[in-house]
Amino acid sequence: MGGEHSGHHGHAGRPGSVGGSAPGFASLGSFIRLTNSVDDGNPYEGNLVLDIINDRGFNGKPSLVSSKELDKEIILGAVELHRGIQDASHREQFKKGELFVGKGPEGSGVYSSTDPREAEGFGFGGTVRMALKPSAKVIDFRDLEEKAYQLYKQGGVYDKLTDDLGATAVALGYDAIKAREGRVYVILNRTMLFVEE
């Protein structure tokens, strides 16, 4: 579902310079270190976004709540979401373990849907019911494409960052990406979630 400025992935890149700090980082050096740590030949494409998630401290645990507490948070404005999983161990891993992200058309992240039936298609092993906190910083996918294009035009180290829109979003400080007419949310900051126990 590419937009007007999508389709630059796989480009050869262009030289460029970036002044000051890269978005979301204490220093440009920190950003360059992270982008250069990614092996372009690695078949797992989520490495860069995980590096940035860890750098920003977005890899913490979610808030675990009861079903009734989750219902209350949704009434108060949290966005109800469902995440597809492949087996029961993934459910506990997501709640209490190390964070893993998937790769999809809207970039790397934790894919979830407002529709539990759609979420089942992401994993085929059941779903985790959760909600995105009202305070989460969310960007629409179309707006993200435009921001990524503006960064890409600067060239240099930004080429690698904008190859993965999940990495772009988390580097800019967003907790989630909203896509597909608002049905799909790509979660980048697990601490911004209420998750049903």
C-alpha atoms as a PDB file:
ATOM      1  CA  MET A   1       0.000   0.000   0.000  1.00  0.00           C
ATOM      2  CA  GLY A   2       2.668   2.489  -1.011  1.00  0.00           C
ATOM      3  CA  GLY A   3       1.975   6.163  -1.179  1.00  0.00           C
ATOM      4  CA  GLU A   4       3.218   8.932  -3.370  1.00  0.00           C
ATOM      5  CA  HIS A   5       6.754   8.836  -1.997  1.00  0.00           C
ATOM      6  CA  SER A   6       7.119   5.106  -1.347  1.00  0.00           C
ATOM      7  CA  GLY A   7       9.208   2.804  -3.469  1.00  0.00           C
ATOM      8  CA  HIS A   8      12.696   4.092  -2.677  1.00  0.00           C
ATOM      9  CA  HIS A   9      13.683   0.869  -0.927  1.00  0.00           C
ATOM     10  CA  GLY A  10      16.660  -0.854  -2.471  1.00  0.00           C
ATOM     11  CA  HIS A  11      18.116   2.401  -3.795  1.00  0.00           C
ATOM     12  CA  ALA A  12      21.877   2.800  -3.997  1.00  0.00           C
ATOM     13  CA  GLY A  13      21.807   5.808  -1.696  1.00  0.00           C
ATOM     14  CA  ARG A  14      23.356   9.216  -2.146  1.00  0.00           C
ATOM     15  CA  PRO A  15      25.985  11.125  -0.233  1.00  0.00           C
ATOM     16  CA  GLY A  16      24.803  13.745   2.205  1.00  0.00           C
ATOM     17  CA  SER A  17      25.447  15.342   5.532  1.00  0.00           C
ATOM     18  CA  VAL A  18      23.225  15.718   8.552  1.00  0.00           C
ATOM     19  CA  GLY A  19      23.792  18.488  11.044  1.00  0.00           C
ATOM     20  CA  GLY A  20      23.138  18.254  14.779  1.00  0.00           C
ATOM     21  CA  SER A  21      21.418  15.264  16.337  1.00  0.00           C
ATOM     22  CA  ALA A  22      19.500  12.663  14.375  1.00  0.00           C
ATOM     23  CA  PRO A  23      15.814  12.403  15.345  1.00  0.00           C
ATOM     24  CA  GLY A  24      15.246  10.564  18.601  1.00  0.00           C
ATOM     25  CA  PHE A  25      18.926  10.237  19.511  1.00  0.00           C
ATOM     26  CA  ALA A  26      21.213  11.983  21.972  1.00  0.00           C
ATOM     27  CA  SER A  27      23.822  12.387  19.256  1.00  0.00           C
ATOM     28  CA  LEU A  28      24.346  11.786  15.578  1.00  0.00           C
ATOM     29  CA  GLY A  29      27.166   9.424  16.527  1.00  0.00           C
ATOM     30  CA  SER A  30      24.714   7.203  18.406  1.00  0.00           C
ATOM     31  CA  PHE A  31      22.458   7.078  15.361  1.00  0.00           C
ATOM     32  CA  ILE A  32      25.331   6.233  12.994  1.00  0.00           C
ATOM     33  CA  ARG A  33      26.527   3.500  15.332  1.00  0.00           C
ATOM     34  CA  LEU A  34      23.116   1.879  15.321  1.00  0.00           C
ATOM     35  CA  THR A  35      22.568   2.109  11.572  1.00  0.00           C
ATOM     36  CA  ASN A  36      26.045   0.804  10.811  1.00  0.00           C
ATOM     37  CA  SER A  37      25.513  -2.157  13.167  1.00  0.00           C
ATOM     38  CA  VAL A  38      22.926  -3.634  10.811  1.00  0.00           C
ATOM     39  CA  ASP A  39      24.165  -6.183   8.307  1.00  0.00           C
ATOM     40  CA  ASP A  40      22.379  -5.491   5.014  1.00  0.00           C
ATOM     41  CA  GLY A  41      22.601  -9.191   4.163  1.00  0.00           C
ATOM     42  CA  ASN A  42      20.855 -10.320   7.325  1.00  0.00           C
ATOM     43  CA  PRO A  43      17.540 -12.003   6.391  1.00  0.00           C
ATOM     44  CA  TYR A  44      15.906 -10.676   9.572  1.00  0.00           C
ATOM     45  CA  GLU A  45      14.898  -7.145   8.732  1.00  0.00           C
ATOM     46  CA  GLY A  46      13.722  -6.097  12.193  1.00  0.00           C
ATOM     47  CA  ASN A  47      17.198  -5.575  13.674  1.00  0.00           C
ATOM     48  CA  LEU A  48      17.395  -1.839  13.109  1.00  0.00           C
ATOM     49  CA  VAL A  49      13.995  -1.084  14.604  1.00  0.00           C
ATOM     50  CA  LEU A  50      14.831  -3.209  17.656  1.00  0.00           C
ATOM     51  CA  ASP A  51      18.120  -1.352  18.094  1.00  0.00           C
ATOM     52  CA  ILE A  52      16.282   1.957  18.051  1.00  0.00           C
ATOM     53  CA  ILE A  53      13.488   0.670  20.327  1.00  0.00           C
ATOM     54  CA  ASN A  54      16.127  -0.402  22.836  1.00  0.00           C
ATOM     55  CA  ASP A  55      18.007   2.896  22.451  1.00  0.00           C
ATOM     56  CA  ARG A  56      14.837   4.859  23.226  1.00  0.00           C
ATOM     57  CA  GLY A  57      13.779   2.602  26.109  1.00  0.00           C
ATOM     58  CA  PHE A  58      10.604   1.476  24.326  1.00  0.00           C
ATOM     59  CA  ASN A  59      11.290  -2.203  25.085  1.00  0.00           C
ATOM     60  CA  GLY A  60       9.805  -2.221  28.599  1.00  0.00           C
ATOM     61  CA  LYS A  61       6.925  -4.422  29.690  1.00  0.00           C
ATOM     62  CA  PRO A  62       3.254  -3.552  29.093  1.00  0.00           C
ATOM     63  CA  SER A  63       0.770  -2.835  31.874  1.00  0.00           C
ATOM     64  CA  LEU A  64      -0.958  -6.135  32.698  1.00  0.00           C
ATOM     65  CA  VAL A  65      -4.612  -5.746  33.694  1.00  0.00           C
ATOM     66  CA  SER A  66      -7.678  -7.890  34.232  1.00  0.00           C
ATOM     67  CA  SER A  67     -10.403  -8.150  31.604  1.00  0.00           C
ATOM     68  CA  LYS A  68     -12.624  -5.785  33.586  1.00  0.00           C
ATOM     69  CA  GLU A  69      -9.797  -3.296  34.043  1.00  0.00           C
ATOM     70  CA  LEU A  70      -9.086  -3.403  30.316  1.00  0.00           C
ATOM     71  CA  ASP A  71     -12.756  -2.734  29.563  1.00  0.00           C
ATOM     72  CA  LYS A  72     -12.575   0.291  31.870  1.00  0.00           C
ATOM     73  CA  GLU A  73      -9.452   1.658  30.165  1.00  0.00           C
ATOM     74  CA  ILE A  74     -11.111   1.295  26.761  1.00  0.00           C
ATOM     75  CA  ILE A  75     -14.133   3.254  28.004  1.00  0.00           C
ATOM     76  CA  LEU A  76     -11.705   5.948  29.190  1.00  0.00           C
ATOM     77  CA  GLY A  77     -10.188   6.277  25.724  1.00  0.00           C
ATOM     78  CA  ALA A  78      -7.653   3.493  25.166  1.00  0.00           C
ATOM     79  CA  VAL A  79      -7.844   1.912  21.694  1.00  0.00           C
ATOM     80  CA  GLU A  80      -8.842  -1.761  21.874  1.00  0.00           C
ATOM     81  CA  LEU A  81      -6.478  -3.939  19.852  1.00  0.00           C
ATOM     82  CA  HIS A  82      -5.788  -7.612  19.214  1.00  0.00           C
ATOM     83  CA  ARG A  83      -2.478  -9.234  18.407  1.00  0.00           C
ATOM     84  CA  GLY A  84      -2.290 -12.555  16.584  1.00  0.00           C
ATOM     85  CA  ILE A  85       0.046 -15.184  18.030  1.00  0.00           C
ATOM     86  CA  GLN A  86       1.287 -18.567  16.849  1.00  0.00           C
ATOM     87  CA  ASP A  87       1.244 -20.454  20.166  1.00  0.00           C
ATOM     88  CA  ALA A  88       0.696 -19.961  23.905  1.00  0.00           C
ATOM     89  CA  SER A  89       4.379 -19.341  24.619  1.00  0.00           C
ATOM     90  CA  HIS A  90       4.256 -16.253  22.409  1.00  0.00           C
ATOM     91  CA  ARG A  91       1.431 -14.879  24.567  1.00  0.00           C
ATOM     92  CA  GLU A  92       3.575 -14.995  27.707  1.00  0.00           C
ATOM     93  CA  GLN A  93       6.633 -13.808  25.827  1.00  0.00           C
ATOM     94  CA  PHE A  94       4.796 -10.697  24.681  1.00  0.00           C
ATOM     95  CA  LYS A  95       3.529  -9.952  28.180  1.00  0.00           C
ATOM     96  CA  LYS A  96       6.661 -10.613  30.213  1.00  0.00           C
ATOM     97  CA  GLY A  97       9.615 -11.508  27.997  1.00  0.00           C
ATOM     98  CA  GLU A  98      11.953 -10.016  25.452  1.00  0.00           C
ATOM     99  CA  LEU A  99      10.280  -7.947  22.747  1.00  0.00           C
ATOM    100  CA  PHE A 100      10.222  -9.310  19.208  1.00  0.00           C
ATOM    101  CA  VAL A 101       8.970  -7.443  16.157  1.00  0.00           C
ATOM    102  CA  GLY A 102       7.687  -8.574  12.791  1.00  0.00           C
ATOM    103  CA  LYS A 103       8.146  -7.128   9.337  1.00  0.00           C
ATOM    104  CA  GLY A 104       5.146  -5.971   7.328  1.00  0.00           C
ATOM    105  CA  PRO A 105       4.089  -3.509   4.626  1.00  0.00           C
ATOM    106  CA  GLU A 106       3.982  -0.632   7.116  1.00  0.00           C
ATOM    107  CA  GLY A 107       7.443  -1.386   8.517  1.00  0.00           C
ATOM    108  CA  SER A 108       8.802  -3.431  11.407  1.00  0.00           C
ATOM    109  CA  GLY A 109       6.897  -3.544  14.670  1.00  0.00           C
ATOM    110  CA  VAL A 110       4.227  -5.463  16.570  1.00  0.00           C
ATOM    111  CA  TYR A 111       1.234  -5.769  14.241  1.00  0.00           C
ATOM    112  CA  SER A 112      -2.205  -5.561  15.809  1.00  0.00           C
ATOM    113  CA  SER A 113      -5.738  -4.867  14.662  1.00  0.00           C
ATOM    114  CA  THR A 114      -8.936  -3.387  15.998  1.00  0.00           C
ATOM    115  CA  ASP A 115     -10.648  -6.429  14.440  1.00  0.00           C
ATOM    116  CA  PRO A 116      -9.906  -9.721  16.267  1.00  0.00           C
ATOM    117  CA  ARG A 117     -10.663 -11.710  13.120  1.00  0.00           C
ATOM    118  CA  GLU A 118      -8.050  -9.787  11.175  1.00  0.00           C
ATOM    119  CA  ALA A 119      -5.582 -10.216  14.040  1.00  0.00           C
ATOM    120  CA  GLU A 120      -6.022 -13.982  13.939  1.00  0.00           C
ATOM    121  CA  GLY A 121      -4.650 -13.872  10.411  1.00  0.00           C
ATOM    122  CA  PHE A 122      -1.413 -12.375  11.746  1.00  0.00           C
ATOM    123  CA  GLY A 123      -0.651 -15.479  13.810  1.00  0.00           C
ATOM    124  CA  PHE A 124      -3.219 -18.296  13.359  1.00  0.00           C
ATOM    125  CA  GLY A 125      -2.818 -19.325  17.012  1.00  0.00           C
ATOM    126  CA  GLY A 126      -5.262 -17.112  18.850  1.00  0.00           C
ATOM    127  CA  THR A 127      -5.005 -13.486  19.886  1.00  0.00           C
ATOM    128  CA  VAL A 128      -3.888 -11.299  22.763  1.00  0.00           C
ATOM    129  CA  ARG A 129      -6.430  -8.653  23.773  1.00  0.00           C
ATOM    130  CA  MET A 130      -4.906  -5.302  24.650  1.00  0.00           C
ATOM    131  CA  ALA A 131      -5.367  -1.543  24.331  1.00  0.00           C
ATOM    132  CA  LEU A 132      -3.164   1.375  23.323  1.00  0.00           C
ATOM    133  CA  LYS A 133      -2.986   4.037  26.020  1.00  0.00           C
ATOM    134  CA  PRO A 134      -4.598   7.404  25.193  1.00  0.00           C
ATOM    135  CA  SER A 135      -1.283   9.153  25.847  1.00  0.00           C
ATOM    136  CA  ALA A 136       0.489   7.187  23.094  1.00  0.00           C
ATOM    137  CA  LYS A 137       2.047   9.220  20.315  1.00  0.00           C
ATOM    138  CA  VAL A 138       0.564   7.798  17.096  1.00  0.00           C
ATOM    139  CA  ILE A 139       1.313   8.706  13.489  1.00  0.00           C
ATOM    140  CA  ASP A 140      -0.838   7.938  10.471  1.00  0.00           C
ATOM    141  CA  PHE A 141       1.001   5.820   7.905  1.00  0.00           C
ATOM    142  CA  ARG A 142       0.487   8.364   5.109  1.00  0.00           C
ATOM    143  CA  ASP A 143       1.996  11.108   7.255  1.00  0.00           C
ATOM    144  CA  LEU A 144       4.882   8.815   8.132  1.00  0.00           C
ATOM    145  CA  GLU A 145       5.594   8.203   4.454  1.00  0.00           C
ATOM    146  CA  GLU A 146       5.855  11.944   3.899  1.00  0.00           C
ATOM    147  CA  LYS A 147       8.179  12.446   6.885  1.00  0.00           C
ATOM    148  CA  ALA A 148      10.336   9.534   5.727  1.00  0.00           C
ATOM    149  CA  TYR A 149      10.579  10.997   2.253  1.00  0.00           C
ATOM    150  CA  GLN A 150      11.755  14.319   3.645  1.00  0.00           C
ATOM    151  CA  LEU A 151      14.453  12.512   5.647  1.00  0.00           C
ATOM    152  CA  TYR A 152      15.407  10.345   2.665  1.00  0.00           C
ATOM    153  CA  LYS A 153      16.049  13.439   0.552  1.00  0.00           C
ATOM    154  CA  GLN A 154      18.780  14.417   3.009  1.00  0.00           C
ATOM    155  CA  GLY A 155      20.680  11.263   2.034  1.00  0.00           C
ATOM    156  CA  GLY A 156      23.616   9.963   4.023  1.00  0.00           C
ATOM    157  CA  VAL A 157      22.788   7.878   7.083  1.00  0.00           C
ATOM    158  CA  TYR A 158      19.075   8.587   6.634  1.00  0.00           C
ATOM    159  CA  ASP A 159      18.940   6.206   3.658  1.00  0.00           C
ATOM    160  CA  LYS A 160      19.112   3.161   5.920  1.00  0.00           C
ATOM    161  CA  LEU A 161      16.674   4.597   8.452  1.00  0.00           C
ATOM    162  CA  THR A 162      13.974   5.230   5.852  1.00  0.00           C
ATOM    163  CA  ASP A 163      14.303   1.744   4.364  1.00  0.00           C
ATOM    164  CA  ASP A 164      12.161   0.571   7.294  1.00  0.00           C
ATOM    165  CA  LEU A 165       9.263   2.863   8.177  1.00  0.00           C
ATOM    166  CA  GLY A 166       8.970   1.240  11.590  1.00  0.00           C
ATOM    167  CA  ALA A 167      12.533   2.384  12.298  1.00  0.00           C
ATOM    168  CA  THR A 168      11.687   5.839  10.948  1.00  0.00           C
ATOM    169  CA  ALA A 169       8.655   6.156  13.229  1.00  0.00           C
ATOM    170  CA  VAL A 170      10.367   5.035  16.424  1.00  0.00           C
ATOM    171  CA  ALA A 171      13.404   7.219  15.690  1.00  0.00           C
ATOM    172  CA  LEU A 172      11.016  10.174  15.449  1.00  0.00           C
ATOM    173  CA  GLY A 173       9.570   9.249  18.841  1.00  0.00           C
ATOM    174  CA  TYR A 174       6.272   7.645  17.830  1.00  0.00           C
ATOM    175  CA  ASP A 175       4.793   4.833  19.906  1.00  0.00           C
ATOM    176  CA  ALA A 176       2.672   3.366  17.104  1.00  0.00           C
ATOM    177  CA  ILE A 177       1.748   3.647  13.435  1.00  0.00           C
ATOM    178  CA  LYS A 178      -1.942   3.717  12.447  1.00  0.00           C
ATOM    179  CA  ALA A 179      -2.668   2.224   9.024  1.00  0.00           C
ATOM    180  CA  ARG A 180      -5.278   0.642   6.743  1.00  0.00           C
ATOM    181  CA  GLU A 181      -8.091   3.084   7.505  1.00  0.00           C
ATOM    182  CA  GLY A 182      -7.330   2.866  11.226  1.00  0.00           C
ATOM    183  CA  ARG A 183      -7.805  -0.896  11.539  1.00  0.00           C
ATOM    184  CA  VAL A 184      -4.136  -1.813  11.935  1.00  0.00           C
ATOM    185  CA  TYR A 185      -1.742  -0.434  14.527  1.00  0.00           C
ATOM    186  CA  VAL A 186       1.972  -1.214  14.384  1.00  0.00           C
ATOM    187  CA  ILE A 187       3.157  -0.975  17.982  1.00  0.00           C
ATOM    188  CA  LEU A 188       6.667   0.340  18.587  1.00  0.00           C
ATOM    189  CA  ASN A 189       6.525   1.058  22.330  1.00  0.00           C
ATOM    190  CA  ARG A 190       5.234  -1.868  24.363  1.00  0.00           C
ATOM    191  CA  THR A 191       5.052   0.233  27.533  1.00  0.00           C
ATOM    192  CA  MET A 192       2.163   2.130  25.937  1.00  0.00           C
ATOM    193  CA  LEU A 193      -0.062  -0.952  26.071  1.00  0.00           C
ATOM    194  CA  PHE A 194      -2.551  -2.355  28.536  1.00  0.00           C
ATOM    195  CA  VAL A 195      -2.545  -6.140  28.050  1.00  0.00           C
ATOM    196  CA  GLU A 196      -5.186  -8.508  29.375  1.00  0.00           C
ATOM    197  CA  GLU A 197      -3.752 -11.093  31.762  1.00  0.00           C
END
